[in-house]
Amino acid sequence: MLRHLLKSKIHRATVTDSNVEYEGSISIDTALMRQADLWVGERVLVTSITNGARLETYVIEGREGSGDIVINGAAAHLISRGHRVTIMGWTLSETPVESKRLLMNEKNEIVSTTSH
């Protein structure tokens, strides 16, 4: 039986900008995407630690090494610049998955990484 399992988690990232006029998505620094094993177009769940908002969107590439986390489109009404967020990617699997977890500081620098 296939199960939805956590594959990737960027925890306590800070939203660096939001753009309600953009068509949608979340832009993530490509270096962070690689570290978290997230792909362009991948569906993610984004939760705001700041206000409790939860939304699903897809990943687009942000500027390499910038630390940028940008909420685009209608989602920017729920989560905006300065919010602390958790970004989670999922997979379908019949067996347990070792997820990659990145803990971030307020500058979106990786404080620690773990695999579970």
PDB file of N, CA and C in Angstrom:
ATOM      1  N   MET A   1       0.837  -1.172   0.000  1.00  0.00           N
ATOM      2  CA  MET A   1       0.000   0.000   0.000  1.00  0.00           C
ATOM      3  C   MET A   1       0.894   1.251   0.000  1.00  0.00           C
ATOM      4  N   LEU A   2       0.609   2.173  -0.898  1.00  0.00           N
ATOM      5  CA  LEU A   2       1.347   3.431  -0.944  1.00  0.00           C
ATOM      6  C   LEU A   2       0.886   4.346   0.177  1.00  0.00           C
ATOM      7  N   ARG A   3       1.870   5.012   0.802  1.00  0.00           N
ATOM      8  CA  ARG A   3       1.576   5.979   1.861  1.00  0.00           C
ATOM      9  C   ARG A   3       2.250   7.305   1.523  1.00  0.00           C
ATOM     10  N   HIS A   4       1.637   8.402   1.963  1.00  0.00           N
ATOM     11  CA  HIS A   4       2.263   9.725   1.847  1.00  0.00           C
ATOM     12  C   HIS A   4       3.219   9.891   3.014  1.00  0.00           C
ATOM     13  N   LEU A   5       4.497  10.152   2.709  1.00  0.00           N
ATOM     14  CA  LEU A   5       5.513  10.291   3.753  1.00  0.00           C
ATOM     15  C   LEU A   5       6.307  11.572   3.552  1.00  0.00           C
ATOM     16  N   LEU A   6       6.731  12.161   4.671  1.00  0.00           N
ATOM     17  CA  LEU A   6       7.570  13.353   4.607  1.00  0.00           C
ATOM     18  C   LEU A   6       8.912  12.995   3.979  1.00  0.00           C
ATOM     19  N   LYS A   7       9.303  13.761   2.967  1.00  0.00           N
ATOM     20  CA  LYS A   7      10.565  13.555   2.260  1.00  0.00           C
ATOM     21  C   LYS A   7      11.548  14.682   2.533  1.00  0.00           C
ATOM     22  N   SER A   8      11.018  15.911   2.637  1.00  0.00           N
ATOM     23  CA  SER A   8      11.849  17.103   2.755  1.00  0.00           C
ATOM     24  C   SER A   8      11.197  18.099   3.689  1.00  0.00           C
ATOM     25  N   LYS A   9      12.024  18.758   4.509  1.00  0.00           N
ATOM     26  CA  LYS A   9      11.477  19.769   5.424  1.00  0.00           C
ATOM     27  C   LYS A   9      12.496  20.889   5.613  1.00  0.00           C
ATOM     28  N   ILE A  10      12.050  22.119   5.344  1.00  0.00           N
ATOM     29  CA  ILE A  10      12.827  23.313   5.652  1.00  0.00           C
ATOM     30  C   ILE A  10      12.073  23.982   6.792  1.00  0.00           C
ATOM     31  N   HIS A  11      12.653  23.954   7.989  1.00  0.00           N
ATOM     32  CA  HIS A  11      11.942  24.375   9.199  1.00  0.00           C
ATOM     33  C   HIS A  11      12.446  25.722   9.716  1.00  0.00           C
ATOM     34  N   ARG A  12      11.511  26.602  10.027  1.00  0.00           N
ATOM     35  CA  ARG A  12      11.752  27.926  10.613  1.00  0.00           C
ATOM     36  C   ARG A  12      12.453  28.879   9.648  1.00  0.00           C
ATOM     37  N   ALA A  13      12.182  28.725   8.342  1.00  0.00           N
ATOM     38  CA  ALA A  13      12.704  29.669   7.357  1.00  0.00           C
ATOM     39  C   ALA A  13      11.941  30.990   7.488  1.00  0.00           C
ATOM     40  N   THR A  14      12.584  32.065   7.099  1.00  0.00           N
ATOM     41  CA  THR A  14      11.961  33.386   7.121  1.00  0.00           C
ATOM     42  C   THR A  14      11.583  33.784   5.700  1.00  0.00           C
ATOM     43  N   VAL A  15      10.328  34.183   5.506  1.00  0.00           N
ATOM     44  CA  VAL A  15       9.876  34.659   4.192  1.00  0.00           C
ATOM     45  C   VAL A  15      10.535  36.014   3.936  1.00  0.00           C
ATOM     46  N   THR A  16      11.284  36.098   2.841  1.00  0.00           N
ATOM     47  CA  THR A  16      12.035  37.322   2.540  1.00  0.00           C
ATOM     48  C   THR A  16      11.234  38.310   1.701  1.00  0.00           C
ATOM     49  N   ASP A  17      10.181  37.827   1.026  1.00  0.00           N
ATOM     50  CA  ASP A  17       9.333  38.715   0.226  1.00  0.00           C
ATOM     51  C   ASP A  17       8.052  37.977  -0.123  1.00  0.00           C
ATOM     52  N   SER A  18       7.058  38.737  -0.544  1.00  0.00           N
ATOM     53  CA  SER A  18       5.814  38.152  -1.048  1.00  0.00           C
ATOM     54  C   SER A  18       5.318  39.030  -2.184  1.00  0.00           C
ATOM     55  N   ASN A  19       4.684  38.395  -3.173  1.00  0.00           N
ATOM     56  CA  ASN A  19       4.251  39.107  -4.368  1.00  0.00           C
ATOM     57  C   ASN A  19       2.895  38.582  -4.798  1.00  0.00           C
ATOM     58  N   VAL A  20       1.840  39.274  -4.393  1.00  0.00           N
ATOM     59  CA  VAL A  20       0.485  38.831  -4.706  1.00  0.00           C
ATOM     60  C   VAL A  20       0.196  38.886  -6.207  1.00  0.00           C
ATOM     61  N   GLU A  21       0.922  39.707  -6.965  1.00  0.00           N
ATOM     62  CA  GLU A  21       0.673  39.856  -8.405  1.00  0.00           C
ATOM     63  C   GLU A  21       1.270  38.727  -9.240  1.00  0.00           C
ATOM     64  N   TYR A  22       2.203  37.950  -8.675  1.00  0.00           N
ATOM     65  CA  TYR A  22       2.799  36.838  -9.417  1.00  0.00           C
ATOM     66  C   TYR A  22       1.779  35.711  -9.508  1.00  0.00           C
ATOM     67  N   GLU A  23       1.850  34.867 -10.512  1.00  0.00           N
ATOM     68  CA  GLU A  23       0.802  33.874 -10.752  1.00  0.00           C
ATOM     69  C   GLU A  23       0.698  32.777  -9.699  1.00  0.00           C
ATOM     70  N   GLY A  24       1.679  32.576  -8.889  1.00  0.00           N
ATOM     71  CA  GLY A  24       1.589  31.553  -7.848  1.00  0.00           C
ATOM     72  C   GLY A  24       2.925  30.896  -7.597  1.00  0.00           C
ATOM     73  N   SER A  25       3.016  30.124  -6.538  1.00  0.00           N
ATOM     74  CA  SER A  25       4.193  29.325  -6.201  1.00  0.00           C
ATOM     75  C   SER A  25       4.963  29.877  -5.015  1.00  0.00           C
ATOM     76  N   ILE A  26       6.041  29.163  -4.665  1.00  0.00           N
ATOM     77  CA  ILE A  26       7.005  29.625  -3.676  1.00  0.00           C
ATOM     78  C   ILE A  26       8.386  29.541  -4.311  1.00  0.00           C
ATOM     79  N   SER A  27       9.109  30.650  -4.289  1.00  0.00           N
ATOM     80  CA  SER A  27      10.485  30.669  -4.790  1.00  0.00           C
ATOM     81  C   SER A  27      11.407  30.320  -3.627  1.00  0.00           C
ATOM     82  N   ILE A  28      12.297  29.361  -3.865  1.00  0.00           N
ATOM     83  CA  ILE A  28      13.238  28.932  -2.836  1.00  0.00           C
ATOM     84  C   ILE A  28      14.645  28.980  -3.428  1.00  0.00           C
ATOM     85  N   ASP A  29      15.571  29.552  -2.682  1.00  0.00           N
ATOM     86  CA  ASP A  29      16.987  29.566  -3.048  1.00  0.00           C
ATOM     87  C   ASP A  29      17.367  28.170  -3.560  1.00  0.00           C
ATOM     88  N   THR A  30      17.967  28.085  -4.748  1.00  0.00           N
ATOM     89  CA  THR A  30      18.276  26.781  -5.345  1.00  0.00           C
ATOM     90  C   THR A  30      19.242  25.960  -4.498  1.00  0.00           C
ATOM     91  N   ALA A  31      20.122  26.616  -3.752  1.00  0.00           N
ATOM     92  CA  ALA A  31      21.025  25.865  -2.868  1.00  0.00           C
ATOM     93  C   ALA A  31      20.220  25.159  -1.775  1.00  0.00           C
ATOM     94  N   LEU A  32      19.203  25.826  -1.233  1.00  0.00           N
ATOM     95  CA  LEU A  32      18.342  25.200  -0.229  1.00  0.00           C
ATOM     96  C   LEU A  32      17.495  24.086  -0.845  1.00  0.00           C
ATOM     97  N   MET A  33      17.057  24.303  -2.093  1.00  0.00           N
ATOM     98  CA  MET A  33      16.305  23.252  -2.787  1.00  0.00           C
ATOM     99  C   MET A  33      17.131  21.973  -2.883  1.00  0.00           C
ATOM    100  N   ARG A  34      18.395  22.109  -3.275  1.00  0.00           N
ATOM    101  CA  ARG A  34      19.256  20.924  -3.391  1.00  0.00           C
ATOM    102  C   ARG A  34      19.442  20.251  -2.039  1.00  0.00           C
ATOM    103  N   GLN A  35      19.730  21.047  -1.013  1.00  0.00           N
ATOM    104  CA  GLN A  35      19.947  20.486   0.330  1.00  0.00           C
ATOM    105  C   GLN A  35      18.717  19.739   0.844  1.00  0.00           C
ATOM    106  N   ALA A  36      17.528  20.263   0.515  1.00  0.00           N
ATOM    107  CA  ALA A  36      16.286  19.657   0.997  1.00  0.00           C
ATOM    108  C   ALA A  36      15.728  18.616   0.034  1.00  0.00           C
ATOM    109  N   ASP A  37      16.367  18.437  -1.123  1.00  0.00           N
ATOM    110  CA  ASP A  37      15.894  17.510  -2.155  1.00  0.00           C
ATOM    111  C   ASP A  37      14.504  17.897  -2.659  1.00  0.00           C
ATOM    112  N   LEU A  38      14.343  19.177  -3.006  1.00  0.00           N
ATOM    113  CA  LEU A  38      13.104  19.672  -3.616  1.00  0.00           C
ATOM    114  C   LEU A  38      13.370  19.998  -5.078  1.00  0.00           C
ATOM    115  N   TRP A  39      12.415  19.684  -5.950  1.00  0.00           N
ATOM    116  CA  TRP A  39      12.550  19.921  -7.381  1.00  0.00           C
ATOM    117  C   TRP A  39      11.653  21.070  -7.821  1.00  0.00           C
ATOM    118  N   VAL A  40      12.019  21.696  -8.932  1.00  0.00           N
ATOM    119  CA  VAL A  40      11.160  22.689  -9.565  1.00  0.00           C
ATOM    120  C   VAL A  40       9.825  22.016  -9.899  1.00  0.00           C
ATOM    121  N   GLY A  41       8.745  22.670  -9.558  1.00  0.00           N
ATOM    122  CA  GLY A  41       7.413  22.140  -9.840  1.00  0.00           C
ATOM    123  C   GLY A  41       6.880  21.200  -8.787  1.00  0.00           C
ATOM    124  N   GLU A  42       7.691  20.843  -7.805  1.00  0.00           N
ATOM    125  CA  GLU A  42       7.241  19.906  -6.772  1.00  0.00           C
ATOM    126  C   GLU A  42       6.198  20.545  -5.857  1.00  0.00           C
ATOM    127  N   ARG A  43       5.177  19.785  -5.541  1.00  0.00           N
ATOM    128  CA  ARG A  43       4.126  20.239  -4.624  1.00  0.00           C
ATOM    129  C   ARG A  43       4.665  20.248  -3.201  1.00  0.00           C
ATOM    130  N   VAL A  44       4.401  21.343  -2.484  1.00  0.00           N
ATOM    131  CA  VAL A  44       4.831  21.460  -1.094  1.00  0.00           C
ATOM    132  C   VAL A  44       3.691  22.004  -0.238  1.00  0.00           C
ATOM    133  N   LEU A  45       3.744  21.664   1.038  1.00  0.00           N
ATOM    134  CA  LEU A  45       2.870  22.243   2.046  1.00  0.00           C
ATOM    135  C   LEU A  45       3.690  23.300   2.766  1.00  0.00           C
ATOM    136  N   VAL A  46       3.152  24.506   2.869  1.00  0.00           N
ATOM    137  CA  VAL A  46       3.822  25.600   3.562  1.00  0.00           C
ATOM    138  C   VAL A  46       2.956  25.972   4.763  1.00  0.00           C
ATOM    139  N   THR A  47       3.560  25.973   5.950  1.00  0.00           N
ATOM    140  CA  THR A  47       2.829  26.357   7.155  1.00  0.00           C
ATOM    141  C   THR A  47       3.510  27.557   7.796  1.00  0.00           C
ATOM    142  N   SER A  48       2.709  28.521   8.207  1.00  0.00           N
ATOM    143  CA  SER A  48       3.239  29.705   8.867  1.00  0.00           C
ATOM    144  C   SER A  48       3.285  29.468  10.365  1.00  0.00           C
ATOM    145  N   ILE A  49       4.476  29.535  10.920  1.00  0.00           N
ATOM    146  CA  ILE A  49       4.638  29.460  12.372  1.00  0.00           C
ATOM    147  C   ILE A  49       4.099  30.761  12.987  1.00  0.00           C
ATOM    148  N   THR A  50       4.147  31.838  12.222  1.00  0.00           N
ATOM    149  CA  THR A  50       3.730  33.153  12.687  1.00  0.00           C
ATOM    150  C   THR A  50       2.230  33.248  12.928  1.00  0.00           C
ATOM    151  N   ASN A  51       1.419  32.775  11.945  1.00  0.00           N
ATOM    152  CA  ASN A  51      -0.033  32.944  12.101  1.00  0.00           C
ATOM    153  C   ASN A  51      -0.855  31.662  11.951  1.00  0.00           C
ATOM    154  N   GLY A  52      -0.204  30.534  11.722  1.00  0.00           N
ATOM    155  CA  GLY A  52      -0.914  29.260  11.624  1.00  0.00           C
ATOM    156  C   GLY A  52      -1.490  28.934  10.255  1.00  0.00           C
ATOM    157  N   ALA A  53      -1.334  29.822   9.269  1.00  0.00           N
ATOM    158  CA  ALA A  53      -1.847  29.558   7.919  1.00  0.00           C
ATOM    159  C   ALA A  53      -1.144  28.335   7.327  1.00  0.00           C
ATOM    160  N   ARG A  54      -1.898  27.574   6.527  1.00  0.00           N
ATOM    161  CA  ARG A  54      -1.373  26.393   5.836  1.00  0.00           C
ATOM    162  C   ARG A  54      -1.834  26.464   4.392  1.00  0.00           C
ATOM    163  N   LEU A  55      -0.925  26.159   3.452  1.00  0.00           N
ATOM    164  CA  LEU A  55      -1.305  26.172   2.047  1.00  0.00           C
ATOM    165  C   LEU A  55      -0.421  25.230   1.251  1.00  0.00           C
ATOM    166  N   GLU A  56      -0.958  24.792   0.129  1.00  0.00           N
ATOM    167  CA  GLU A  56      -0.188  23.982  -0.812  1.00  0.00           C
ATOM    168  C   GLU A  56       0.119  24.823  -2.035  1.00  0.00           C
ATOM    169  N   THR A  57       1.323  24.646  -2.547  1.00  0.00           N
ATOM    170  CA  THR A  57       1.744  25.331  -3.761  1.00  0.00           C
ATOM    171  C   THR A  57       2.844  24.501  -4.412  1.00  0.00           C
ATOM    172  N   TYR A  58       3.552  25.079  -5.360  1.00  0.00           N
ATOM    173  CA  TYR A  58       4.644  24.370  -6.023  1.00  0.00           C
ATOM    174  C   TYR A  58       5.903  25.218  -5.977  1.00  0.00           C
ATOM    175  N   VAL A  59       7.044  24.568  -6.111  1.00  0.00           N
ATOM    176  CA  VAL A  59       8.355  25.202  -5.974  1.00  0.00           C
ATOM    177  C   VAL A  59       8.843  25.746  -7.312  1.00  0.00           C
ATOM    178  N   ILE A  60       9.396  26.969  -7.268  1.00  0.00           N
ATOM    179  CA  ILE A  60      10.166  27.486  -8.398  1.00  0.00           C
ATOM    180  C   ILE A  60      11.536  27.910  -7.867  1.00  0.00           C
ATOM    181  N   GLU A  61      12.502  27.976  -8.773  1.00  0.00           N
ATOM    182  CA  GLU A  61      13.877  28.307  -8.379  1.00  0.00           C
ATOM    183  C   GLU A  61      14.004  29.767  -7.966  1.00  0.00           C
ATOM    184  N   GLY A  62      14.667  29.953  -6.825  1.00  0.00           N
ATOM    185  CA  GLY A  62      15.071  31.287  -6.401  1.00  0.00           C
ATOM    186  C   GLY A  62      16.550  31.460  -6.702  1.00  0.00           C
ATOM    187  N   ARG A  63      17.045  32.638  -6.468  1.00  0.00           N
ATOM    188  CA  ARG A  63      18.445  32.959  -6.762  1.00  0.00           C
ATOM    189  C   ARG A  63      19.385  32.135  -5.883  1.00  0.00           C
ATOM    190  N   GLU A  64      20.331  31.478  -6.501  1.00  0.00           N
ATOM    191  CA  GLU A  64      21.327  30.626  -5.834  1.00  0.00           C
ATOM    192  C   GLU A  64      22.078  31.395  -4.756  1.00  0.00           C
ATOM    193  N   GLY A  65      22.095  30.864  -3.538  1.00  0.00           N
ATOM    194  CA  GLY A  65      22.861  31.434  -2.444  1.00  0.00           C
ATOM    195  C   GLY A  65      22.257  32.677  -1.805  1.00  0.00           C
ATOM    196  N   SER A  66      21.061  33.060  -2.222  1.00  0.00           N
ATOM    197  CA  SER A  66      20.448  34.305  -1.742  1.00  0.00           C
ATOM    198  C   SER A  66      19.760  34.154  -0.382  1.00  0.00           C
ATOM    199  N   GLY A  67      19.354  32.928  -0.058  1.00  0.00           N
ATOM    200  CA  GLY A  67      18.544  32.714   1.140  1.00  0.00           C
ATOM    201  C   GLY A  67      17.092  33.107   0.938  1.00  0.00           C
ATOM    202  N   ASP A  68      16.718  33.448  -0.294  1.00  0.00           N
ATOM    203  CA  ASP A  68      15.363  33.916  -0.559  1.00  0.00           C
ATOM    204  C   ASP A  68      14.315  32.815  -0.421  1.00  0.00           C
ATOM    205  N   ILE A  69      13.242  33.164   0.257  1.00  0.00           N
ATOM    206  CA  ILE A  69      12.015  32.374   0.331  1.00  0.00           C
ATOM    207  C   ILE A  69      10.909  33.374   0.015  1.00  0.00           C
ATOM    208  N   VAL A  70      10.284  33.243  -1.170  1.00  0.00           N
ATOM    209  CA  VAL A  70       9.303  34.229  -1.625  1.00  0.00           C
ATOM    210  C   VAL A  70       7.965  33.546  -1.872  1.00  0.00           C
ATOM    211  N   ILE A  71       6.926  34.064  -1.221  1.00  0.00           N
ATOM    212  CA  ILE A  71       5.564  33.565  -1.403  1.00  0.00           C
ATOM    213  C   ILE A  71       4.918  34.384  -2.517  1.00  0.00           C
ATOM    214  N   ASN A  72       4.377  33.697  -3.529  1.00  0.00           N
ATOM    215  CA  ASN A  72       3.806  34.364  -4.696  1.00  0.00           C
ATOM    216  C   ASN A  72       2.320  34.086  -4.849  1.00  0.00           C
ATOM    217  N   GLY A  73       1.641  34.967  -5.568  1.00  0.00           N
ATOM    218  CA  GLY A  73       0.236  34.793  -5.907  1.00  0.00           C
ATOM    219  C   GLY A  73      -0.689  34.954  -4.713  1.00  0.00           C
ATOM    220  N   ALA A  74      -1.845  34.321  -4.799  1.00  0.00           N
ATOM    221  CA  ALA A  74      -2.874  34.449  -3.760  1.00  0.00           C
ATOM    222  C   ALA A  74      -2.365  34.038  -2.387  1.00  0.00           C
ATOM    223  N   ALA A  75      -1.405  33.129  -2.334  1.00  0.00           N
ATOM    224  CA  ALA A  75      -0.836  32.683  -1.052  1.00  0.00           C
ATOM    225  C   ALA A  75      -0.238  33.844  -0.267  1.00  0.00           C
ATOM    226  N   ALA A  76       0.163  34.915  -0.973  1.00  0.00           N
ATOM    227  CA  ALA A  76       0.754  36.077  -0.307  1.00  0.00           C
ATOM    228  C   ALA A  76      -0.257  36.815   0.563  1.00  0.00           C
ATOM    229  N   HIS A  77      -1.542  36.528   0.404  1.00  0.00           N
ATOM    230  CA  HIS A  77      -2.554  37.091   1.304  1.00  0.00           C
ATOM    231  C   HIS A  77      -2.531  36.389   2.658  1.00  0.00           C
ATOM    232  N   LEU A  78      -2.011  35.165   2.694  1.00  0.00           N
ATOM    233  CA  LEU A  78      -1.994  34.361   3.921  1.00  0.00           C
ATOM    234  C   LEU A  78      -0.651  34.383   4.632  1.00  0.00           C
ATOM    235  N   ILE A  79       0.422  34.376   3.849  1.00  0.00           N
ATOM    236  CA  ILE A  79       1.785  34.329   4.390  1.00  0.00           C
ATOM    237  C   ILE A  79       2.567  35.439   3.713  1.00  0.00           C
ATOM    238  N   SER A  80       3.225  36.276   4.499  1.00  0.00           N
ATOM    239  CA  SER A  80       3.913  37.426   3.916  1.00  0.00           C
ATOM    240  C   SER A  80       5.318  37.589   4.485  1.00  0.00           C
ATOM    241  N   ARG A  81       5.993  38.596   3.984  1.00  0.00           N
ATOM    242  CA  ARG A  81       7.376  38.892   4.374  1.00  0.00           C
ATOM    243  C   ARG A  81       7.515  38.936   5.896  1.00  0.00           C
ATOM    244  N   GLY A  82       8.574  38.270   6.384  1.00  0.00           N
ATOM    245  CA  GLY A  82       8.848  38.251   7.815  1.00  0.00           C
ATOM    246  C   GLY A  82       8.257  37.063   8.552  1.00  0.00           C
ATOM    247  N   HIS A  83       7.287  36.368   7.944  1.00  0.00           N
ATOM    248  CA  HIS A  83       6.720  35.185   8.584  1.00  0.00           C
ATOM    249  C   HIS A  83       7.780  34.095   8.688  1.00  0.00           C
ATOM    250  N   ARG A  84       7.730  33.327   9.762  1.00  0.00           N
ATOM    251  CA  ARG A  84       8.546  32.113   9.891  1.00  0.00           C
ATOM    252  C   ARG A  84       7.686  30.970   9.375  1.00  0.00           C
ATOM    253  N   VAL A  85       8.255  30.126   8.521  1.00  0.00           N
ATOM    254  CA  VAL A  85       7.491  29.052   7.887  1.00  0.00           C
ATOM    255  C   VAL A  85       8.221  27.720   7.940  1.00  0.00           C
ATOM    256  N   THR A  86       7.449  26.671   7.749  1.00  0.00           N
ATOM    257  CA  THR A  86       7.976  25.337   7.507  1.00  0.00           C
ATOM    258  C   THR A  86       7.493  24.922   6.121  1.00  0.00           C
ATOM    259  N   ILE A  87       8.399  24.422   5.300  1.00  0.00           N
ATOM    260  CA  ILE A  87       8.100  23.993   3.936  1.00  0.00           C
ATOM    261  C   ILE A  87       8.337  22.491   3.879  1.00  0.00           C
ATOM    262  N   MET A  88       7.304  21.736   3.493  1.00  0.00           N
ATOM    263  CA  MET A  88       7.398  20.279   3.515  1.00  0.00           C
ATOM    264  C   MET A  88       7.076  19.671   2.156  1.00  0.00           C
ATOM    265  N   GLY A  89       7.949  18.763   1.718  1.00  0.00           N
ATOM    266  CA  GLY A  89       7.728  17.995   0.510  1.00  0.00           C
ATOM    267  C   GLY A  89       7.403  16.560   0.891  1.00  0.00           C
ATOM    268  N   TRP A  90       6.576  15.911   0.095  1.00  0.00           N
ATOM    269  CA  TRP A  90       6.079  14.567   0.412  1.00  0.00           C
ATOM    270  C   TRP A  90       6.388  13.621  -0.730  1.00  0.00           C
ATOM    271  N   THR A  91       6.336  12.337  -0.435  1.00  0.00           N
ATOM    272  CA  THR A  91       6.503  11.311  -1.454  1.00  0.00           C
ATOM    273  C   THR A  91       5.520  10.180  -1.183  1.00  0.00           C
ATOM    274  N   LEU A  92       5.278   9.387  -2.193  1.00  0.00           N
ATOM    275  CA  LEU A  92       4.491   8.165  -2.038  1.00  0.00           C
ATOM    276  C   LEU A  92       5.451   6.995  -2.008  1.00  0.00           C
ATOM    277  N   SER A  93       5.286   6.120  -1.020  1.00  0.00           N
ATOM    278  CA  SER A  93       6.195   4.981  -0.897  1.00  0.00           C
ATOM    279  C   SER A  93       5.501   3.833  -0.194  1.00  0.00           C
ATOM    280  N   GLU A  94       5.940   2.637  -0.507  1.00  0.00           N
ATOM    281  CA  GLU A  94       5.464   1.447   0.195  1.00  0.00           C
ATOM    282  C   GLU A  94       6.364   1.099   1.371  1.00  0.00           C
ATOM    283  N   THR A  95       7.503   1.782   1.467  1.00  0.00           N
ATOM    284  CA  THR A  95       8.457   1.513   2.546  1.00  0.00           C
ATOM    285  C   THR A  95       8.832   2.836   3.236  1.00  0.00           C
ATOM    286  N   PRO A  96       9.364   2.773   4.447  1.00  0.00           N
ATOM    287  CA  PRO A  96       9.777   4.000   5.130  1.00  0.00           C
ATOM    288  C   PRO A  96      10.782   4.802   4.302  1.00  0.00           C
ATOM    289  N   VAL A  97      10.751   6.121   4.484  1.00  0.00           N
ATOM    290  CA  VAL A  97      11.608   7.045   3.743  1.00  0.00           C
ATOM    291  C   VAL A  97      12.448   7.830   4.735  1.00  0.00           C
ATOM    292  N   GLU A  98      13.725   8.014   4.410  1.00  0.00           N
ATOM    293  CA  GLU A  98      14.594   8.853   5.238  1.00  0.00           C
ATOM    294  C   GLU A  98      14.447  10.296   4.765  1.00  0.00           C
ATOM    295  N   SER A  99      13.761  11.119   5.551  1.00  0.00           N
ATOM    296  CA  SER A  99      13.512  12.501   5.149  1.00  0.00           C
ATOM    297  C   SER A  99      14.704  13.387   5.476  1.00  0.00           C
ATOM    298  N   LYS A 100      14.879  14.419   4.634  1.00  0.00           N
ATOM    299  CA  LYS A 100      15.925  15.417   4.864  1.00  0.00           C
ATOM    300  C   LYS A 100      15.278  16.599   5.563  1.00  0.00           C
ATOM    301  N   ARG A 101      15.868  17.016   6.685  1.00  0.00           N
ATOM    302  CA  ARG A 101      15.313  18.115   7.464  1.00  0.00           C
ATOM    303  C   ARG A 101      16.373  19.182   7.689  1.00  0.00           C
ATOM    304  N   LEU A 102      16.039  20.409   7.307  1.00  0.00           N
ATOM    305  CA  LEU A 102      16.939  21.545   7.481  1.00  0.00           C
ATOM    306  C   LEU A 102      16.336  22.492   8.513  1.00  0.00           C
ATOM    307  N   LEU A 103      17.076  22.834   9.541  1.00  0.00           N
ATOM    308  CA  LEU A 103      16.661  23.836  10.511  1.00  0.00           C
ATOM    309  C   LEU A 103      17.372  25.134  10.149  1.00  0.00           C
ATOM    310  N   MET A 104      16.599  26.226  10.008  1.00  0.00           N
ATOM    311  CA  MET A 104      17.125  27.490   9.530  1.00  0.00           C
ATOM    312  C   MET A 104      17.207  28.516  10.654  1.00  0.00           C
ATOM    313  N   ASN A 105      18.103  29.513  10.486  1.00  0.00           N
ATOM    314  CA  ASN A 105      18.110  30.659  11.387  1.00  0.00           C
ATOM    315  C   ASN A 105      17.336  31.795  10.712  1.00  0.00           C
ATOM    316  N   GLU A 106      17.298  32.961  11.338  1.00  0.00           N
ATOM    317  CA  GLU A 106      16.501  34.081  10.814  1.00  0.00           C
ATOM    318  C   GLU A 106      17.035  34.633   9.496  1.00  0.00           C
ATOM    319  N   LYS A 107      18.281  34.291   9.121  1.00  0.00           N
ATOM    320  CA  LYS A 107      18.858  34.728   7.846  1.00  0.00           C
ATOM    321  C   LYS A 107      18.741  33.644   6.776  1.00  0.00           C
ATOM    322  N   ASN A 108      17.971  32.604   7.055  1.00  0.00           N
ATOM    323  CA  ASN A 108      17.802  31.461   6.155  1.00  0.00           C
ATOM    324  C   ASN A 108      19.109  30.747   5.867  1.00  0.00           C
ATOM    325  N   GLU A 109      19.955  30.695   6.894  1.00  0.00           N
ATOM    326  CA  GLU A 109      21.170  29.882   6.848  1.00  0.00           C
ATOM    327  C   GLU A 109      20.852  28.582   7.578  1.00  0.00           C
ATOM    328  N   ILE A 110      21.409  27.484   7.095  1.00  0.00           N
ATOM    329  CA  ILE A 110      21.158  26.182   7.705  1.00  0.00           C
ATOM    330  C   ILE A 110      21.909  26.097   9.033  1.00  0.00           C
ATOM    331  N   VAL A 111      21.160  25.844  10.113  1.00  0.00           N
ATOM    332  CA  VAL A 111      21.723  25.692  11.447  1.00  0.00           C
ATOM    333  C   VAL A 111      22.094  24.220  11.678  1.00  0.00           C
ATOM    334  N   SER A 112      21.209  23.321  11.224  1.00  0.00           N
ATOM    335  CA  SER A 112      21.494  21.895  11.358  1.00  0.00           C
ATOM    336  C   SER A 112      20.702  21.122  10.313  1.00  0.00           C
ATOM    337  N   THR A 113      21.207  19.938   9.991  1.00  0.00           N
ATOM    338  CA  THR A 113      20.505  19.027   9.087  1.00  0.00           C
ATOM    339  C   THR A 113      20.408  17.676   9.775  1.00  0.00           C
ATOM    340  N   THR A 114      19.278  17.041   9.545  1.00  0.00           N
ATOM    341  CA  THR A 114      19.100  15.692  10.070  1.00  0.00           C
ATOM    342  C   THR A 114      18.352  14.871   9.032  1.00  0.00           C
ATOM    343  N   SER A 115      18.483  13.593   9.143  1.00  0.00           N
ATOM    344  CA  SER A 115      17.712  12.648   8.331  1.00  0.00           C
ATOM    345  C   SER A 115      17.007  11.712   9.288  1.00  0.00           C
ATOM    346  N   HIS A 116      15.734  11.503   9.030  1.00  0.00           N
ATOM    347  CA  HIS A 116      14.936  10.612   9.879  1.00  0.00           C
ATOM    348  C   HIS A 116      14.235   9.582   9.021  1.00  0.00           C
TER     349      HIS A 116
END
